[in-house]
Every structure is written in structure tokens, then in C-alpha cells.
Amino acid sequence: MNKTVAVIGGGVAGLETSIQLEKLGYNVYLFEKNSQLGGHAEKWDRLFPSRRHASEVIDSLKNRINNVQINLATQVNDIKRENGAFLVDANGKSQKVDAIVLTTGFELFPANKKEEYGYGIFENVITSAELESMFSSNGKPQMVDGNTPTKVAFIHCVGSRDEKVNRPYCSKVCCVTAVKQAIEVKEALPSSEVYCLYMDLRMFGPGYEDLYKDAQVKGVTFIRGRLSETSELEGGRVLIKAEDTLSSKPLKISVDMVILMVGMSPLPSTEKLLKNLELEPNNDGFIQVKDYHLEPTHTKAEGVFVAGACTGPNNITDSVNAAHSAALEVHKYLTSK
């Protein structure tokens, strides 16, 4: 076949796309700007809803790659069209390819943009990603002074469903991640008090509702309300102020640790690639697909395809499914040329 495809981004979607394209007989060049593959999932401890170790999934993907040309710590700086093909410039070197799949992913919402939540100001206000790192290294949450917390609050929708920070969309994974992490805190620290402050619980996936019921059985307290502000108390404790929107009453809770469930944001570095390819972002800043319903892995640029969370918030299952679709669409495109 001797046709070549560039896959830009080495997270779950990029890995699965590369695997499927390799199976179809293509020469695949995988470009990853970081020094290791796996994307955000590589930094995670356990996945919802089964709480399977993330490393099992990432290792399985890596082990299925055979002849893909993997380029780590490689930033794609420019893409140009040339005689029906593309020239991909990465770290000063050019590679000619016949098609491109963008799997550039997302970034976590910068929690310090919600200054009233105290991230970067109060030491015991952390993000969901930072808590996951604690689970990986210690098996439990830990305060800055080394003590374990007795009261923990999870704040949902940080950088999601929020017009004030230009993030009006739902990030899809925050609710179920909060429930998973709340269960893990209760299991690691059975005597702790754990609160989840949510706008709406969006437990839509297989096994999500069971996870929510398990959290209730384990004693996690769910409060429908949105955090308005935080302040620091003596000893590094944090006072959170919110409104219980079910009772319409103000609420104050002092806790040892606040976990901000940060949403998915568009990756700024993708903007340059879109300009190179004469593509536009969608209303939320992610890559615009050709047809959301019928061609969700196509772009409006011929020969350029997409998969994963670069098109908007996705979970791992969504990303794997999109990767399969993108690889097949690349195959259909290249065999028709």
C-alpha cells in the first residue's frame, strides 16, 4: 500500500488510531509533544466506573503497537499541502504524508481562573488531577502539612457550564469522576466526612448510576448547590460558602481540603494547526467537525480527520470509538484516491 498517515497526539485516541491504521497496512507516524505516550490518562490512577487501573489501559494500547514510527517530545510546528499530500514539519524536520488525523486532545481548565475558589491561594484547595496523583503515590489524600483530612469537599463544574469563564458546555466526565474519587476518599479514610457540591448530577453512562448509589451507601453527602466563595481558616482549613438550591438556603461548611473538578478546555497549541489547515474551531473552541451527526471524524479539509477530545469533551470509550471510525474513514479516503 505504501501510503503514509500522520497521527498528531499520542493520547488514547492517537494510540488507538495508530493501531487501527497499522492493521490496515499504512505507514504511520505518531507525533507526541510530551516525552511519553498516554495523554491525561497516563497520569490517572483508576478509571470510572469500574475503577480499573489506568495504567492497564495505556499499557495495553502501547503493547499493541508494532511498526508505528513514534516521535516523542516532538512538536508539530507547521503543516503544508503539496501535490495532494501534506508536509508535516516537526522539530525542524519534514515528513511527507498522504493523510492526517488530529488527536491533539485537551487541557484541563486552569483552576486559578476561578479566583473565588481559592486555587493557588489556599494550600489545601487542589484539583481533581492533583488528587488522582495522590491516589497513585500515597493511596489517599494528604494535606500540605502531611496530615490526612477529616472533611473533604468536591466542587463540581469548575470551568464547565460557566459563562463567566467562557466555558458554557458540560465536560461530561466531571460528575462521575467526583463520585469515583469521593468513594475512594471514603474507602481510604472511612471516618472522614465527604461532600459533593453539584449543579446537576449527570450520571448518564453504563455503571455511572451504580457508582452514585455506592457513594451514597458509603456515606458521601450530595448537596445541590454552587460554590460562591472560599476563605482560609486557622490551621489551613477552608470555609466554603454556597447556596443549597433545593432548600434555597445559604450554606457554610468548614473542611480540611477542597477538590475542584476541573473541566476540559481546548488546547491552545491546536489553534496554529487549524490555521495551517484552513480550519475553524467550533463555538466552544474545539476542532469543528464536518458534520456532527453523519461525519463526526471528518473535517472540512480534504484528507484531514479527527478523533478524541480535540473535538470536545470525551471519555476514554468515546475516544476509542472515534479512533476506530477515523482510521476507517482514512482508509476509505486513501483507497478512493
Protein backbone atom coordinates (compact mmCIF):
# COMPACT_ATOMS: atom_id res chain seq x y z
CA MET A 1 0.00 0.00 0.00
CA ASN A 2 2.92 2.31 0.89
CA LYS A 3 0.73 5.23 1.88
CA THR A 4 1.60 7.22 4.97
CA VAL A 5 -0.57 8.80 7.66
CA ALA A 6 0.42 11.27 10.37
CA VAL A 7 -1.34 10.98 13.72
CA ILE A 8 -0.79 14.11 15.79
CA GLY A 9 -1.22 13.46 19.50
CA GLY A 10 -0.28 10.36 21.50
CA GLY A 11 -3.11 10.05 23.99
CA VAL A 12 -5.75 7.32 23.98
CA ALA A 13 -7.29 8.47 20.68
CA GLY A 14 -3.91 8.82 18.99
CA LEU A 15 -2.72 5.42 20.14
CA GLU A 16 -5.89 3.61 19.06
CA THR A 17 -5.96 5.42 15.72
CA SER A 18 -2.35 4.42 15.08
CA ILE A 19 -3.07 0.79 15.98
CA GLN A 20 -6.03 0.59 13.60
CA LEU A 21 -4.19 2.31 10.74
CA GLU A 22 -1.24 -0.04 11.19
CA LYS A 23 -3.62 -3.02 10.98
CA LEU A 24 -4.95 -1.62 7.71
CA GLY A 25 -1.45 -1.65 6.27
CA TYR A 26 -0.47 2.02 6.41
CA ASN A 27 2.84 3.55 7.39
CA VAL A 28 2.02 5.57 10.48
CA TYR A 29 3.95 8.44 12.02
CA LEU A 30 2.75 9.27 15.53
CA PHE A 31 3.80 12.68 16.86
CA GLU A 32 3.58 13.39 20.60
CA LYS A 33 4.76 16.68 22.10
CA ASN A 34 5.42 15.17 25.54
CA SER A 35 8.14 12.70 26.47
CA GLN A 36 5.72 9.80 26.95
CA LEU A 37 2.56 8.40 25.42
CA GLY A 38 -0.84 8.17 27.09
CA GLY A 39 -2.02 11.76 27.41
CA HIS A 40 -4.01 12.68 30.51
CA ALA A 41 -4.98 9.06 31.15
CA GLU A 42 -1.33 8.17 31.70
CA LYS A 43 -1.35 10.38 34.81
CA TRP A 44 -4.56 8.88 36.21
CA ASP A 45 -4.77 6.20 38.90
CA ARG A 46 -8.13 4.49 38.37
CA LEU A 47 -10.84 4.92 35.74
CA PHE A 48 -14.58 5.24 36.18
CA PRO A 49 -16.89 3.41 36.52
CA SER A 50 -15.05 0.10 37.06
CA ARG A 51 -12.07 1.72 38.83
CA ARG A 52 -9.72 -0.25 36.65
CA HIS A 53 -6.12 0.97 36.81
CA ALA A 54 -5.50 3.48 34.03
CA SER A 55 -2.04 2.00 33.52
CA GLU A 56 -3.63 -1.28 32.37
CA VAL A 57 -5.44 0.51 29.55
CA ILE A 58 -2.45 2.60 28.48
CA ASP A 59 -0.06 -0.35 28.64
CA SER A 60 -2.47 -2.45 26.58
CA LEU A 61 -2.57 0.24 23.90
CA LYS A 62 1.21 0.61 23.86
CA ASN A 63 1.72 -3.15 23.62
CA ARG A 64 -0.50 -3.38 20.53
CA ILE A 65 1.74 -1.02 18.56
CA ASN A 66 4.30 -2.78 16.37
CA ASN A 67 5.69 -0.73 13.49
CA VAL A 68 4.36 2.76 14.11
CA GLN A 69 7.07 5.42 13.88
CA ILE A 70 6.74 7.06 17.30
CA ASN A 71 8.14 10.57 17.70
CA LEU A 72 8.18 11.67 21.35
CA ALA A 73 8.97 15.17 22.63
CA THR A 74 8.11 16.32 19.13
CA GLN A 75 6.09 19.45 18.45
CA VAL A 76 4.36 19.73 15.09
CA ASN A 77 5.02 23.31 14.07
CA ASP A 78 3.60 23.51 10.58
CA ILE A 79 1.56 21.55 8.03
CA LYS A 80 1.55 22.40 4.33
CA ARG A 81 -0.25 20.88 1.35
CA GLU A 82 1.94 19.68 -1.50
CA ASN A 83 0.64 17.98 -4.65
CA GLY A 84 -2.30 16.28 -2.98
CA ALA A 85 -0.28 15.30 0.08
CA PHE A 86 0.97 17.06 3.22
CA LEU A 87 4.33 18.13 4.56
CA VAL A 88 4.41 17.89 8.35
CA ASP A 89 7.14 19.98 9.97
CA ALA A 90 8.06 18.68 13.43
CA ASN A 91 11.12 19.80 15.38
CA GLY A 92 12.62 21.20 12.19
CA LYS A 93 12.23 18.00 10.15
CA SER A 94 9.68 17.43 7.39
CA GLN A 95 7.68 14.27 6.77
CA LYS A 96 5.50 13.78 3.70
CA VAL A 97 2.19 12.06 4.42
CA ASP A 98 -0.98 11.28 2.49
CA ALA A 99 -3.48 11.97 5.29
CA ILE A 100 -3.59 13.44 8.77
CA VAL A 101 -5.52 12.52 11.90
CA LEU A 102 -5.63 15.19 14.60
CA THR A 103 -5.82 13.61 18.06
CA THR A 104 -4.38 16.57 19.95
CA GLY A 105 -6.65 16.24 22.97
CA PHE A 106 -7.43 18.93 25.52
CA GLU A 107 -6.05 20.75 28.51
CA LEU A 108 -7.52 20.89 31.99
CA PHE A 109 -9.25 24.14 32.85
CA PRO A 110 -6.82 26.40 34.76
CA ALA A 111 -8.47 26.47 38.19
CA ASN A 112 -6.84 29.77 39.14
CA LYS A 113 -9.18 31.50 36.68
CA LYS A 114 -11.89 30.97 39.31
CA GLU A 115 -10.09 33.09 41.89
CA GLU A 116 -13.00 32.97 44.32
CA TYR A 117 -12.44 29.21 44.68
CA GLY A 118 -9.01 29.78 46.21
CA TYR A 119 -6.83 27.62 43.98
CA GLY A 120 -3.24 28.84 44.09
CA ILE A 121 -4.16 30.96 47.12
CA PHE A 122 -5.09 28.40 49.77
CA GLU A 123 -2.77 25.42 50.02
CA ASN A 124 -5.45 22.82 50.69
CA VAL A 125 -7.50 23.68 47.62
CA ILE A 126 -6.41 21.28 44.88
CA THR A 127 -7.69 19.94 41.56
CA SER A 128 -9.14 16.53 40.74
CA ALA A 129 -5.99 15.73 38.75
CA GLU A 130 -3.80 16.51 41.77
CA LEU A 131 -5.95 14.29 43.97
CA GLU A 132 -5.59 11.48 41.44
CA SER A 133 -1.81 11.85 41.69
CA MET A 134 -2.11 11.45 45.46
CA PHE A 135 -4.04 8.22 44.98
CA SER A 136 -1.28 7.00 42.66
CA SER A 137 1.55 7.80 45.06
CA ASN A 138 0.02 7.56 48.57
CA GLY A 139 -3.27 5.75 48.11
CA LYS A 140 -5.06 8.56 49.96
CA PRO A 141 -5.41 12.36 50.04
CA GLN A 142 -2.92 14.31 52.09
CA MET A 143 -2.91 17.91 53.29
CA VAL A 144 0.07 20.20 52.80
CA ASP A 145 1.21 19.66 56.40
CA GLY A 146 1.27 15.88 55.86
CA ASN A 147 -1.90 15.16 57.83
CA THR A 148 -4.87 13.32 56.39
CA PRO A 149 -8.09 15.32 56.05
CA THR A 150 -11.18 14.55 58.11
CA LYS A 151 -13.56 16.65 55.99
CA VAL A 152 -13.32 16.92 52.20
CA ALA A 153 -15.50 18.83 49.73
CA PHE A 154 -15.69 18.16 45.99
CA ILE A 155 -16.78 21.12 43.86
CA HIS A 156 -18.30 20.12 40.53
CA CYS A 157 -18.28 22.07 37.24
CA VAL A 158 -15.11 24.13 37.70
CA GLY A 159 -14.55 25.51 34.22
CA SER A 160 -17.67 23.85 32.85
CA ARG A 161 -21.21 25.19 32.40
CA ASP A 162 -19.86 28.60 33.34
CA GLU A 163 -20.43 31.58 31.04
CA LYS A 164 -18.22 33.80 33.20
CA VAL A 165 -15.09 31.93 32.06
CA ASN A 166 -16.39 31.26 28.53
CA ARG A 167 -16.96 27.57 29.24
CA PRO A 168 -20.72 27.11 28.73
CA TYR A 169 -20.51 23.41 27.89
CA CYS A 170 -20.56 20.30 30.09
CA SER A 171 -17.25 18.43 30.28
CA LYS A 172 -19.08 15.07 30.57
CA VAL A 173 -16.61 13.34 32.91
CA CYS A 174 -16.50 15.60 35.98
CA CYS A 175 -19.61 14.33 37.80
CA VAL A 176 -18.70 10.67 37.57
CA THR A 177 -15.04 11.40 38.37
CA ALA A 178 -16.10 13.27 41.51
CA VAL A 179 -18.27 10.34 42.59
CA LYS A 180 -15.44 7.87 41.94
CA GLN A 181 -12.95 9.98 43.87
CA ALA A 182 -15.38 10.58 46.73
CA ILE A 183 -15.78 6.81 47.12
CA GLU A 184 -12.00 6.39 47.12
CA VAL A 185 -11.60 9.04 49.83
CA LYS A 186 -14.21 7.26 51.99
CA GLU A 187 -12.51 3.91 51.46
CA ALA A 188 -9.07 5.31 52.30
CA LEU A 189 -10.38 7.37 55.23
CA PRO A 190 -13.58 5.66 56.48
CA SER A 191 -14.21 8.15 59.29
CA SER A 192 -13.94 11.20 57.01
CA GLU A 193 -16.86 13.40 56.03
CA VAL A 194 -17.11 13.82 52.26
CA TYR A 195 -19.33 16.33 50.46
CA CYS A 196 -20.10 16.76 46.76
CA LEU A 197 -21.48 20.16 45.72
CA TYR A 198 -23.03 19.82 42.29
CA MET A 199 -25.20 21.77 39.83
CA ASP A 200 -26.85 18.69 38.29
CA LEU A 201 -25.59 15.13 38.56
CA ARG A 202 -25.11 13.90 35.00
CA MET A 203 -24.66 10.16 35.53
CA PHE A 204 -25.53 9.06 32.00
CA GLY A 205 -23.11 6.23 31.20
CA PRO A 206 -23.20 2.48 31.88
CA GLY A 207 -22.41 1.84 35.54
CA TYR A 208 -22.47 5.52 36.49
CA GLU A 209 -25.73 5.35 38.43
CA ASP A 210 -24.48 2.29 40.33
CA LEU A 211 -21.36 4.24 41.27
CA TYR A 212 -23.54 7.08 42.58
CA LYS A 213 -25.61 4.65 44.68
CA ASP A 214 -22.41 3.13 46.06
CA ALA A 215 -21.21 6.58 47.09
CA GLN A 216 -24.46 7.21 48.96
CA VAL A 217 -24.20 3.86 50.75
CA LYS A 218 -20.65 4.74 51.80
CA GLY A 219 -21.86 8.00 53.32
CA VAL A 220 -20.94 10.65 50.76
CA THR A 221 -23.20 13.69 51.19
CA PHE A 222 -24.53 15.24 47.97
CA ILE A 223 -25.60 18.89 48.03
CA ARG A 224 -27.20 20.58 45.05
CA GLY A 225 -25.58 23.98 45.03
CA ARG A 226 -22.79 26.04 43.58
CA LEU A 227 -19.80 27.37 45.49
CA SER A 228 -19.77 31.16 45.76
CA GLU A 229 -16.50 31.73 47.62
CA THR A 230 -13.85 30.24 49.86
CA SER A 231 -11.80 31.66 52.71
CA GLU A 232 -8.98 30.24 54.78
CA LEU A 233 -9.39 29.40 58.45
CA GLU A 234 -6.85 28.71 61.15
CA GLY A 235 -4.65 25.69 60.54
CA GLY A 236 -5.15 25.74 56.78
CA ARG A 237 -8.80 24.70 56.91
CA VAL A 238 -11.10 26.17 54.28
CA LEU A 239 -14.54 27.71 54.73
CA ILE A 240 -16.78 27.22 51.72
CA LYS A 241 -19.89 29.28 51.14
CA ALA A 242 -22.63 28.13 48.81
CA GLU A 243 -26.38 28.05 48.36
CA ASP A 244 -28.32 24.83 48.73
CA THR A 245 -30.50 25.28 45.65
CA LEU A 246 -33.01 22.65 46.78
CA SER A 247 -33.78 24.41 50.07
CA SER A 248 -32.83 27.92 48.83
CA LYS A 249 -30.79 28.38 51.99
CA PRO A 250 -27.21 29.64 52.32
CA LEU A 251 -24.68 27.04 53.33
CA LYS A 252 -21.34 27.21 55.12
CA ILE A 253 -19.04 24.22 55.63
CA SER A 254 -15.52 24.22 57.04
CA VAL A 255 -13.36 21.49 55.55
CA ASP A 256 -9.74 20.36 55.56
CA MET A 257 -9.48 20.00 51.79
CA VAL A 258 -11.34 21.25 48.73
CA ILE A 259 -11.17 19.33 45.44
CA LEU A 260 -12.00 21.31 42.29
CA MET A 261 -13.39 19.15 39.49
CA VAL A 262 -11.73 20.91 36.58
CA GLY A 263 -13.27 20.51 33.15
CA MET A 264 -11.84 20.06 29.67
CA SER A 265 -10.66 23.10 27.72
CA PRO A 266 -9.46 23.46 24.12
CA LEU A 267 -5.72 23.04 23.70
CA PRO A 268 -4.19 26.40 22.66
CA SER A 269 -1.43 24.79 20.59
CA THR A 270 -4.06 23.27 18.28
CA GLU A 271 -5.05 26.74 17.04
CA LYS A 272 -1.92 27.07 14.90
CA LEU A 273 -2.52 23.70 13.24
CA LEU A 274 -6.07 24.73 12.40
CA LYS A 275 -4.81 27.89 10.73
CA ASN A 276 -2.26 25.87 8.73
CA LEU A 277 -5.07 23.61 7.52
CA GLU A 278 -7.55 26.47 6.97
CA LEU A 279 -9.91 25.03 9.57
CA GLU A 280 -12.04 26.79 12.16
CA PRO A 281 -12.76 25.95 15.78
CA ASN A 282 -16.32 25.30 16.87
CA ASN A 283 -18.22 27.63 19.21
CA ASP A 284 -16.51 26.12 22.25
CA GLY A 285 -13.01 26.41 20.80
CA PHE A 286 -12.51 22.74 19.93
CA ILE A 287 -11.94 21.45 16.39
CA GLN A 288 -15.02 21.80 14.19
CA VAL A 289 -16.04 18.51 12.59
CA LYS A 290 -17.60 18.37 9.14
CA ASP A 291 -20.97 17.00 10.26
CA TYR A 292 -21.62 16.28 13.94
CA HIS A 293 -24.23 13.61 13.19
CA LEU A 294 -23.02 11.95 9.99
CA GLU A 295 -19.28 12.65 9.67
CA PRO A 296 -18.01 13.19 13.22
CA THR A 297 -14.41 12.23 12.40
CA HIS A 298 -14.14 14.29 9.19
CA THR A 299 -13.08 17.92 8.98
CA LYS A 300 -13.87 20.33 6.17
CA ALA A 301 -10.29 19.94 4.93
CA GLU A 302 -9.79 17.08 2.49
CA GLY A 303 -7.54 14.38 3.93
CA VAL A 304 -7.71 15.70 7.50
CA PHE A 305 -9.56 13.68 10.14
CA VAL A 306 -10.10 13.96 13.89
CA ALA A 307 -10.64 11.71 16.90
CA GLY A 308 -10.91 12.13 20.64
CA ALA A 309 -11.30 15.14 22.90
CA CYS A 310 -9.82 17.63 20.44
CA THR A 311 -13.39 17.87 19.08
CA GLY A 312 -14.95 18.40 22.52
CA PRO A 313 -15.20 16.64 25.88
CA ASN A 314 -14.93 12.86 25.52
CA ASN A 315 -14.33 9.95 27.84
CA ILE A 316 -11.97 7.08 27.01
CA THR A 317 -14.69 4.94 25.45
CA ASP A 318 -15.77 7.83 23.22
CA SER A 319 -12.17 8.39 22.17
CA VAL A 320 -11.55 4.73 21.31
CA ASN A 321 -14.75 4.57 19.26
CA ALA A 322 -13.83 7.77 17.42
CA ALA A 323 -10.34 6.40 16.74
CA HIS A 324 -11.79 3.29 15.06
CA SER A 325 -14.06 5.46 12.96
CA ALA A 326 -11.29 7.88 11.98
CA ALA A 327 -8.98 5.05 10.88
CA LEU A 328 -11.71 3.55 8.71
CA GLU A 329 -12.52 6.93 7.17
CA VAL A 330 -8.83 7.48 6.38
CA HIS A 331 -8.77 4.06 4.70
CA LYS A 332 -11.84 4.89 2.61
CA TYR A 333 -10.32 8.22 1.63
CA LEU A 334 -6.92 6.86 0.62
CA THR A 335 -8.28 3.87 -1.29
CA SER A 336 -10.54 6.18 -3.30
CA LYS A 337 -7.69 8.45 -4.45
